[in-house]
Structure formats: structure tokens, C-alpha cells
């Protein structure tokens, strides 16, 4: 595609991404002399008027948003049979490739990515829009660690596949909300569920539900509960697990209602995480069973202390252990007094009884 110009302005340089409905190219904007990304609707979708309209409507809607965590849209148009959107070019990688290269992400690293994404979703929700099809491929991490969300579909209902096309891919099913898996209209809480799935994957290394086909995975989103986070990765604090599992609630009314609400919950957790983790460690230590040997040792030590206390006289006992001189003196005075009465007793006896 090198040297091919689109609209006599955008020169293709390289293909940098391929999704189910679009192909993305790195290009050079010859008018403004800057690198851009050009997203082109794939041919089989370009033949369907409904898809073309959705493609353009999504771009126009998101172009009205100005948010540091949403990929900026510069231009939209049609050239020959190509329907395209021009966006800012992000130097970095998407979350899918980042997780593939780095592996399991720690809680803090995962929050560094999830909080900006929830902020972007929250801004869209506040403006009345829904992403509707978020996956790790739509989350871009720049070389200086900024996070950007792309490919807002802004759909009211899951669009039908073009004539002759197979059902959506298994990959797309990994991140579906239960209501979307049942073919229902998505709501802002649907994006919250999807982001919960992505956060769960960052913390465990895999999505909560996998399967061999789109329908198999979709059915699990509807019917099965995800395995508790902390049982898979003990490094995940229980308080963070509670937030993630609420985002993964089956009923949308039981989740955080918007991306902004999820962002607030995650930021609250982060502010309180130090004290919360300390409480959890103390609780775990208190609940930890004492080994039998240690218990026996403790009992023997307690017995030795008790016996020692019995054998050692108290300070009060030490004070009373000496001779009671006051008592002795009083006894001697009484004894002498008794002796002094003997002559009197003898005189009385002789006078009255002799």
C-alpha cells in the first residue's frame, strides 16, 4: 500500500491492525505533516449500507468527545469504495499484545490501565454513548504509558452480520456482557461488565469464561459464575476482588451502572488499599490455625509460668514472713498482768474458802 494516497492526502505506510470489520493502517498526513492512523471498513461490510451508516455515526459521535483517554478522531470520509476514519496515531501497543509479552499483571499495573479506561467509558456514558464492543485490542498503551480507548461502535443493538457471513468470532464472545450474549440491547453497565472481564484477565492471565465456539462462551456469560479471583491469584487483595466481581454481576442492575461509577470504586480501593490490606493480613493471621506442636508448647510454657508463680512468695508475703514484734509485746504485757493478779486470788481464796 506504500505511496497510495487516500483523498490525495493520506499516504499509506503499513498495516498495523486488523479487526472483524476494519483494517487499520499507519499513514502520513501530507497536509499537516504528521503520522495518523487510517481505519478502513472491510469490503464485505462496505457493501452494506447499515454498516456504513453505523461506522460513520460512531466516528461523528466520538469526535464530539474530548477526553485524554479516548483516541482523537481527525477526519471521516469516503474515497472511491473505501469508507475511512482518520485518528491520532498511537506509538505503542494494544493491551492484548502487552499481556502476551508481559504475562500476568500485578494489581497496581492492572489498575494503572483499568482506571483510565473506565474514565474514558464514563465520559462516553455521560454523553449518552456506549462502546458496545470493547476488547483488549481496543485499549492502547503508549510508549510513555498513557492509555487510550479506540473503536467505539456506539451501537444500540448488536448489528446483524452481512449476508453470507458467519456468526461473530469466539474472540468477541470472550468480552460480551450477559445481556449482549442473549441478543439484548446493551446499556452502560454492559461496558462495565466487559471492562471487568478485561481486568479479570489481566489479574489471572485468562478471561473468566472460555469455550470452543461463540455460542459456548456466550452461554457461560449468561449461566456460570466466574471463579473467585483470589483463588486463582492469591496476590489479588480480597477487597479488589469484591470490586471486580461486582462488575461481573450477571444482572446489569447489580453492577456499577457506568464507567464513571467503576472508576470511583477503583480509585477508592486504591486510596484505601494500604489500610485494607493490613486489616486483611491481621484477619488472616488471626484465622490461621495453630499447629498441634505449637499448641502443646504454649500449654507447657503456661504451666511453667503458673508453677513458678505458686512457688515464688509475693512481696506482701515477704513482708509478713518476719517475727511479729508488736504481737509479742502485747502478749508479754498481758502475761505480766495475769501474774500480778495471783496474790489477790490467793487472799480471796483464804478468806472465803479456808
Foldseek 3Di string as FASTA:
>chain_A
DAPDDFVNFWGFDAWDDDDPFWTKTWTAGNVVGAIKIKIKGDDLQLVDPVSLVLVVVQLVLCCVDDDQAAWHWDDWDDGDSITITITHDAAFAFQVVVCVVPPADAPVLLLLQLLSVLVVFQSQVVVPFHQQQDDSRQWGAHPVGRIHGYRRSRDQWPDDDGPPDDDDWQRSLLQFALCNLVRHTDAQLRVLQSSLQVSLCNNQVHGQFHDDTSNRSSVCLQPPQGDQSCVRPVSDDPLVSVLSSQSSDNDSVSHQRHSVSSSVSSVVCVVCVVVSVVVVVVVCVVPDDDDPVRVVVVVVVVVVVVVVVVPDDDPVVVVVPDDPVVVVVVVVVVVVVVVVCVVVVVVVCVVPPD
